[in-house]
Amino acid sequence: MEFQGFEEFEEKFKEARQKMGHVNIALIGKTGVGKSTLLNAVFKEDFAETGVGRPVTQHSKEYTKEGSLVSILDTKGFELENYQTILQELKDTINERKTGDPKTHIHVVWFCVRSYDKRFEDAEMHFVEELSKEVPVIIVMTQCERKNQEFYDKIKEAAPSARNVVRVLAQDIVEDGEIEKKAYGLDDLTEVTYQLIPEALQSAFASAQKINLQLKKKDAKKAIAASATAAAAACVIPLPFADSAALAPIQIGMLASITHIMGLELSKGFITTLVTSAAGVTGATYAGRAIVTGILKCIPGAGTVLGTAIGAATATTLTTVMGEAYLNALLVVLAASDSPSPEAIAEAFKKAMKKEKIEPVED
């Protein structure tokens, strides 16, 4: 029989994506500091090559890509002799975009300094100081092959208004086919950036970045906790599970949010494979509550509560277990591949659910 639940999942996916918002990062640095390499490492793509760019000022372009939750405002031609002009242009842009819609704001600045130059000019200090009055600035020491503690300390002292200084080697250094120095620092950069972005937009950045699985995990756990709270509120007055129409949309929305945060795309094939494989009933017709019920029945112990009234504590437990099982499945498959197949996800989901236990709860 034809899969019938896709439309409801699709609607929830769209809602989840809309709630995540959009993050705008300003990228600044002299020619040759490795901005493109940095973007490619964090987002697995160079926005200047794969995205669509539109001029913002004389010296900057904004790059975005269809479906992406992040845009990059790239300042071109930043050099010491024209830094005042670029600084004023950027400050004007930041203030013009401080509208009521947070999706338009510039949320954070990555100011790139090439590590082995070991120079942090007065002009750069002034640029960071002035820009920090408008938006959080992270100084990124790029191409940082060594610790360069002395230069790091110098930047920290010279630019106290910067919210952080992060040392980064964006890609492995390979010589004669051997890795001489492994890339590092990208997890630190993404973590610091995540903390500086408004909380309502953190999921958008967690989703867009492709390097830090632990950051995705942390944000997905927030979505699970929020859904569990919503499920408990929906069942303050215990209801028969079959009549608990409010619970299924919450749990479907949770799966949608986790999927987005982990950076995966929705397709009918993805949802069909996930549901039919996880529920173990290939070819069955699913819609609404039946999807959630079928998945939950695969969790050991869940079957003993599905026929009874669902109260707040039970709703919290069921929602949390489902969310944790799905998240753990995605972490397993994403650790092995950036583009896992729906079949691999479904199989991992099924295995994760078999490990979960539903303990009796008092409602």
Protein backbone atom coordinates (compact mmCIF):
# COMPACT_ATOMS: atom_id res chain seq x y z
CA MET A 1 0.00 0.00 0.00
CA GLU A 2 1.12 3.55 -0.62
CA PHE A 3 2.76 5.49 2.19
CA GLN A 4 0.22 8.07 3.41
CA GLY A 5 2.05 9.94 6.16
CA PHE A 6 4.51 11.96 4.06
CA GLU A 7 2.42 15.14 3.90
CA GLU A 8 2.23 15.43 7.67
CA PHE A 9 5.96 14.84 8.02
CA GLU A 10 6.66 17.33 5.23
CA GLU A 11 4.57 19.99 6.95
CA LYS A 12 6.39 19.45 10.23
CA PHE A 13 9.76 19.58 8.48
CA LYS A 14 8.86 22.93 6.93
CA GLU A 15 7.70 24.26 10.30
CA ALA A 16 10.89 23.08 12.00
CA ARG A 17 13.06 24.68 9.33
CA GLN A 18 11.19 27.97 9.56
CA LYS A 19 11.67 28.07 13.33
CA MET A 20 15.42 27.57 12.98
CA GLY A 21 15.89 30.94 11.29
CA HIS A 22 18.99 32.07 9.41
CA VAL A 23 22.50 33.03 10.53
CA ASN A 24 24.68 35.68 8.87
CA ILE A 25 28.45 35.65 9.39
CA ALA A 26 30.78 38.46 8.28
CA LEU A 27 34.15 37.14 7.12
CA ILE A 28 37.07 39.55 7.11
CA GLY A 29 40.77 39.18 6.40
CA LYS A 30 43.57 40.10 4.05
CA THR A 31 44.10 38.30 0.78
CA GLY A 32 45.72 34.92 1.34
CA VAL A 33 44.68 34.35 4.96
CA GLY A 34 42.69 31.26 3.98
CA LYS A 35 39.08 32.41 4.19
CA SER A 36 37.88 30.04 1.48
CA THR A 37 39.70 27.12 3.06
CA LEU A 38 38.09 27.96 6.40
CA LEU A 39 34.58 28.07 4.91
CA ASN A 40 35.13 24.82 3.04
CA ALA A 41 36.29 23.11 6.22
CA VAL A 42 33.41 24.30 8.41
CA PHE A 43 30.55 24.07 5.91
CA LYS A 44 32.05 21.56 3.45
CA GLU A 45 31.72 24.11 0.65
CA ASP A 46 33.15 27.40 -0.56
CA PHE A 47 30.18 29.74 -0.69
CA ALA A 48 31.92 31.94 -3.26
CA GLU A 49 32.03 28.97 -5.66
CA THR A 50 28.82 27.08 -4.85
CA GLY A 51 26.51 29.88 -3.73
CA VAL A 52 24.94 32.99 -5.21
CA GLY A 53 26.69 36.28 -4.45
CA ARG A 54 25.14 39.71 -4.40
CA PRO A 55 27.05 42.99 -3.93
CA VAL A 56 26.36 44.64 -0.57
CA THR A 57 28.95 47.43 -0.60
CA GLN A 58 31.85 48.42 -2.81
CA HIS A 59 34.09 46.00 -0.93
CA SER A 60 31.78 43.16 0.10
CA LYS A 61 29.49 40.50 -1.27
CA GLU A 62 26.96 38.33 0.50
CA TYR A 63 26.96 34.67 -0.46
CA THR A 64 24.18 32.24 0.20
CA LYS A 65 23.04 28.95 -1.22
CA GLU A 66 19.52 27.73 -1.83
CA GLY A 67 18.37 25.75 1.16
CA SER A 68 21.27 26.87 3.35
CA LEU A 69 20.66 28.25 6.85
CA VAL A 70 23.80 30.41 6.76
CA SER A 71 24.91 33.37 4.64
CA ILE A 72 28.46 34.72 4.45
CA LEU A 73 29.20 38.43 4.08
CA ASP A 74 32.69 38.32 2.58
CA THR A 75 34.75 41.49 2.67
CA LYS A 76 36.90 41.62 -0.44
CA GLY A 77 40.14 43.50 -0.76
CA PHE A 78 40.65 44.17 2.95
CA GLU A 79 44.06 45.79 3.24
CA LEU A 80 45.50 48.20 5.75
CA GLU A 81 45.37 51.20 3.43
CA ASN A 82 41.61 50.97 2.93
CA TYR A 83 40.51 49.52 6.25
CA GLN A 84 38.77 52.73 7.37
CA THR A 85 36.50 52.68 4.31
CA ILE A 86 35.69 49.01 4.76
CA LEU A 87 35.10 49.47 8.48
CA GLN A 88 32.57 52.25 7.88
CA GLU A 89 30.84 50.30 5.12
CA LEU A 90 30.53 47.27 7.37
CA LYS A 91 29.27 49.28 10.35
CA ASP A 92 26.65 50.91 8.13
CA THR A 93 25.56 47.51 6.81
CA ILE A 94 25.30 46.06 10.33
CA ASN A 95 23.16 48.95 11.52
CA GLU A 96 20.95 48.98 8.42
CA ARG A 97 20.19 45.31 9.00
CA LYS A 98 19.25 45.68 12.65
CA THR A 99 15.59 45.31 11.81
CA GLY A 100 12.82 43.56 13.69
CA ASP A 101 13.60 40.36 11.80
CA PRO A 102 16.65 38.64 13.37
CA LYS A 103 17.24 36.71 10.13
CA THR A 104 18.59 39.89 8.54
CA HIS A 105 21.10 40.76 11.28
CA ILE A 106 24.84 40.21 11.09
CA HIS A 107 25.23 37.87 14.05
CA VAL A 108 28.97 37.35 14.36
CA VAL A 109 32.25 38.32 12.70
CA TRP A 110 35.16 36.01 11.92
CA PHE A 111 38.23 38.28 11.65
CA CYS A 112 41.00 36.18 10.11
CA VAL A 113 44.69 36.76 10.83
CA ARG A 114 47.34 34.55 9.24
CA SER A 115 49.25 32.92 12.07
CA TYR A 116 52.69 32.64 10.55
CA ASP A 117 52.78 36.35 9.64
CA LYS A 118 53.06 37.04 13.37
CA ARG A 119 51.83 40.58 12.80
CA PHE A 120 48.73 42.19 14.24
CA GLU A 121 48.76 45.75 12.97
CA ASP A 122 47.40 48.85 14.69
CA ALA A 123 44.81 49.12 11.92
CA GLU A 124 43.58 45.61 12.65
CA MET A 125 43.39 46.36 16.38
CA HIS A 126 41.31 49.46 15.66
CA PHE A 127 39.08 47.57 13.23
CA VAL A 128 38.31 44.87 15.81
CA GLU A 129 37.79 47.41 18.59
CA GLU A 130 35.32 49.48 16.57
CA LEU A 131 33.48 46.53 15.08
CA SER A 132 33.12 44.89 18.50
CA LYS A 133 30.88 47.78 19.52
CA GLU A 134 28.36 46.59 16.93
CA VAL A 135 28.56 42.78 16.85
CA PRO A 136 30.55 39.94 18.51
CA VAL A 137 33.96 39.46 16.89
CA ILE A 138 35.99 36.25 16.93
CA ILE A 139 39.62 36.56 15.84
CA VAL A 140 40.61 33.43 13.91
CA MET A 141 44.32 32.67 13.72
CA THR A 142 44.38 30.80 10.40
CA GLN A 143 47.02 28.42 9.01
CA CYS A 144 48.18 27.88 12.58
CA GLU A 145 50.66 25.03 12.15
CA ARG A 146 52.16 25.56 15.58
CA LYS A 147 50.80 26.78 18.88
CA ASN A 148 52.29 30.27 18.40
CA GLN A 149 51.60 31.09 22.03
CA GLU A 150 53.51 34.36 21.96
CA PHE A 151 51.51 35.68 18.98
CA TYR A 152 48.27 34.38 20.48
CA ASP A 153 48.97 36.24 23.73
CA LYS A 154 49.87 39.38 21.78
CA ILE A 155 46.51 39.36 19.96
CA LYS A 156 44.61 38.70 23.18
CA GLU A 157 46.30 41.67 24.80
CA ALA A 158 45.96 43.96 21.78
CA ALA A 159 42.28 43.17 21.13
CA PRO A 160 40.53 42.75 24.49
CA SER A 161 37.18 43.64 22.94
CA ALA A 162 37.24 40.50 20.78
CA ARG A 163 34.99 37.84 22.27
CA ASN A 164 37.57 35.12 21.63
CA VAL A 165 40.76 34.26 19.78
CA VAL A 166 40.75 30.80 18.17
CA ARG A 167 43.71 29.01 16.63
CA VAL A 168 42.78 27.00 13.53
CA LEU A 169 44.48 24.74 11.04
CA ALA A 170 41.61 24.18 8.64
CA GLN A 171 43.08 21.26 6.71
CA ASP A 172 45.70 18.58 7.26
CA ILE A 173 49.27 19.33 6.23
CA VAL A 174 50.38 16.48 3.98
CA GLU A 175 53.93 15.86 2.82
CA ASP A 176 54.97 12.93 0.63
CA GLY A 177 51.57 11.36 1.13
CA GLU A 178 51.87 11.44 4.93
CA ILE A 179 49.89 13.66 7.30
CA GLU A 180 52.49 15.80 9.03
CA LYS A 181 50.00 17.89 11.01
CA LYS A 182 46.31 17.14 11.51
CA ALA A 183 43.73 19.88 11.20
CA TYR A 184 42.48 21.27 14.49
CA GLY A 185 40.58 24.17 16.06
CA LEU A 186 37.41 23.95 13.97
CA ASP A 187 35.43 22.42 16.82
CA ASP A 188 36.53 25.31 19.03
CA LEU A 189 35.55 27.88 16.41
CA THR A 190 32.10 26.37 15.85
CA GLU A 191 31.47 26.03 19.59
CA VAL A 192 32.42 29.66 20.29
CA THR A 193 30.34 30.88 17.35
CA TYR A 194 27.34 28.84 18.51
CA GLN A 195 27.51 30.41 21.96
CA LEU A 196 27.63 33.97 20.55
CA ILE A 197 24.68 33.55 18.17
CA PRO A 198 21.21 34.40 19.58
CA GLU A 199 19.71 31.30 21.16
CA ALA A 200 16.75 31.28 18.77
CA LEU A 201 19.15 30.88 15.84
CA GLN A 202 21.64 28.41 17.31
CA SER A 203 19.96 25.42 15.66
CA ALA A 204 20.45 27.03 12.24
CA PHE A 205 24.20 27.27 12.78
CA ALA A 206 24.41 23.79 14.32
CA SER A 207 22.69 22.44 11.22
CA ALA A 208 24.76 24.37 8.67
CA GLN A 209 28.20 23.56 10.08
CA LYS A 210 29.44 20.12 9.02
CA ILE A 211 32.48 19.62 11.25
CA ASN A 212 31.27 19.39 14.86
CA LEU A 213 28.95 16.44 15.51
CA GLN A 214 29.01 17.09 19.25
CA LEU A 215 27.59 20.56 18.66
CA LYS A 216 24.77 19.05 16.61
CA LYS A 217 24.19 16.51 19.38
CA LYS A 218 23.96 19.20 22.04
CA ASP A 219 21.47 21.21 20.01
CA ALA A 220 19.39 18.14 19.15
CA LYS A 221 19.14 17.29 22.83
CA LYS A 222 17.65 20.73 23.41
CA ALA A 223 15.01 19.92 20.78
CA ILE A 224 14.27 16.60 22.47
CA ALA A 225 13.89 18.24 25.87
CA ALA A 226 11.58 20.92 24.45
CA SER A 227 9.43 18.28 22.75
CA ALA A 228 9.25 16.18 25.90
CA THR A 229 8.07 19.23 27.83
CA ALA A 230 5.45 19.96 25.16
CA ALA A 231 4.30 16.32 25.23
CA ALA A 232 3.91 16.44 29.00
CA ALA A 233 1.84 19.62 28.75
CA ALA A 234 -0.39 18.02 26.12
CA CYS A 235 -1.13 15.12 28.47
CA VAL A 236 -1.57 16.90 31.78
CA ILE A 237 -5.03 15.35 31.76
CA PRO A 238 -4.40 11.68 30.92
CA LEU A 239 -5.94 10.59 27.63
CA PRO A 240 -6.28 7.20 25.95
CA PHE A 241 -3.31 6.87 23.62
CA ALA A 242 -5.55 6.35 20.60
CA ASP A 243 -7.22 9.70 21.27
CA SER A 244 -4.08 11.64 22.07
CA ALA A 245 -4.05 13.64 18.85
CA ALA A 246 -1.75 16.27 20.35
CA LEU A 247 1.11 13.85 21.05
CA ALA A 248 1.86 12.58 17.53
CA PRO A 249 2.42 16.02 15.93
CA ILE A 250 4.82 16.93 18.75
CA GLN A 251 6.85 13.78 18.20
CA ILE A 252 6.80 14.11 14.42
CA GLY A 253 7.95 17.71 14.84
CA MET A 254 10.76 16.51 17.11
CA LEU A 255 11.99 14.02 14.50
CA ALA A 256 11.83 16.81 11.92
CA SER A 257 13.87 19.17 14.12
CA ILE A 258 16.53 16.55 14.84
CA THR A 259 16.80 15.73 11.14
CA HIS A 260 17.35 19.40 10.26
CA ILE A 261 19.85 19.97 13.06
CA MET A 262 21.88 17.01 11.89
CA GLY A 263 21.97 18.56 8.40
CA LEU A 264 19.91 15.96 6.54
CA GLU A 265 17.39 16.68 3.81
CA LEU A 266 13.80 15.47 3.68
CA SER A 267 12.56 13.28 0.87
CA LYS A 268 9.59 10.98 0.52
CA GLY A 269 11.96 8.06 0.12
CA PHE A 270 13.76 9.03 3.34
CA ILE A 271 10.56 9.16 5.42
CA THR A 272 9.07 6.05 3.82
CA THR A 273 12.20 4.00 4.45
CA LEU A 274 12.61 5.34 7.98
CA VAL A 275 9.06 4.62 9.09
CA THR A 276 8.45 1.30 7.36
CA SER A 277 11.84 -0.13 8.31
CA ALA A 278 11.80 1.12 11.89
CA ALA A 279 8.26 -0.07 12.43
CA GLY A 280 9.11 -3.36 10.75
CA VAL A 281 6.00 -3.40 8.56
CA THR A 282 7.14 -2.86 4.98
CA GLY A 283 4.39 -1.62 2.71
CA ALA A 284 1.99 -0.68 5.49
CA THR A 285 -0.08 2.48 5.32
CA TYR A 286 0.88 5.07 7.94
CA ALA A 287 -0.60 8.42 8.82
CA GLY A 288 -0.55 10.67 11.86
CA ARG A 289 -0.77 8.73 15.12
CA ALA A 290 -0.15 5.42 13.38
CA ILE A 291 3.40 6.48 12.48
CA VAL A 292 4.28 7.34 16.06
CA THR A 293 2.51 4.28 17.46
CA GLY A 294 4.30 1.97 15.03
CA ILE A 295 7.70 3.37 15.91
CA LEU A 296 7.10 3.34 19.65
CA LYS A 297 6.00 -0.31 19.58
CA CYS A 298 9.54 -1.18 18.48
CA ILE A 299 10.94 0.10 21.79
CA PRO A 300 11.14 -2.58 24.49
CA GLY A 301 8.56 -1.89 27.15
CA ALA A 302 6.61 0.70 25.20
CA GLY A 303 3.92 -1.78 24.25
CA THR A 304 2.91 -2.16 27.89
CA VAL A 305 1.87 1.49 28.14
CA LEU A 306 0.38 2.19 24.72
CA GLY A 307 -2.94 0.61 25.58
CA THR A 308 -3.37 2.66 28.73
CA ALA A 309 -4.01 6.31 29.40
CA ILE A 310 -1.10 8.58 28.55
CA GLY A 311 -0.30 11.09 31.26
CA ALA A 312 2.42 13.72 31.53
CA ALA A 313 5.17 11.47 32.89
CA THR A 314 4.53 8.72 30.34
CA ALA A 315 4.37 11.22 27.48
CA THR A 316 7.70 12.69 28.58
CA THR A 317 9.33 9.25 28.74
CA LEU A 318 8.00 8.05 25.39
CA THR A 319 8.99 11.26 23.62
CA THR A 320 12.47 11.36 25.15
CA VAL A 321 13.19 7.71 24.34
CA MET A 322 12.08 8.12 20.74
CA GLY A 323 14.16 11.28 20.32
CA GLU A 324 17.28 9.83 21.93
CA ALA A 325 17.05 6.66 19.82
CA TYR A 326 16.75 8.67 16.60
CA LEU A 327 19.58 11.02 17.57
CA ASN A 328 21.90 8.16 18.49
CA ALA A 329 21.14 6.48 15.17
CA LEU A 330 22.03 9.62 13.23
CA LEU A 331 25.25 10.11 15.20
CA VAL A 332 26.32 6.58 14.29
CA VAL A 333 25.67 6.90 10.57
CA LEU A 334 27.02 10.45 10.25
CA ALA A 335 30.26 9.41 11.93
CA ALA A 336 30.72 6.96 9.06
CA SER A 337 29.47 9.11 6.16
CA ASP A 338 28.49 12.72 5.45
CA SER A 339 25.67 11.45 3.22
CA PRO A 340 24.17 8.32 4.77
CA SER A 341 21.47 6.45 2.91
CA PRO A 342 17.89 6.28 4.25
CA GLU A 343 18.35 2.52 4.61
CA ALA A 344 21.43 2.98 6.80
CA ILE A 345 19.60 5.51 8.98
CA ALA A 346 16.54 3.28 9.30
CA GLU A 347 18.64 0.27 10.29
CA ALA A 348 20.58 2.29 12.87
CA PHE A 349 17.29 3.71 14.22
CA LYS A 350 15.86 0.22 14.63
CA LYS A 351 18.98 -0.95 16.49
CA ALA A 352 18.97 2.14 18.72
CA MET A 353 15.33 1.61 19.67
CA LYS A 354 16.00 -2.00 20.64
CA LYS A 355 18.55 -0.73 23.17
CA GLU A 356 16.08 1.65 24.80
CA LYS A 357 13.95 0.60 27.74
CA ILE A 358 10.66 2.07 28.95
CA GLU A 359 10.51 1.98 32.73
CA PRO A 360 7.13 2.19 34.52
CA VAL A 361 6.25 5.79 35.38
CA GLU A 362 3.72 7.34 37.73
CA ASP A 363 1.20 9.63 36.04
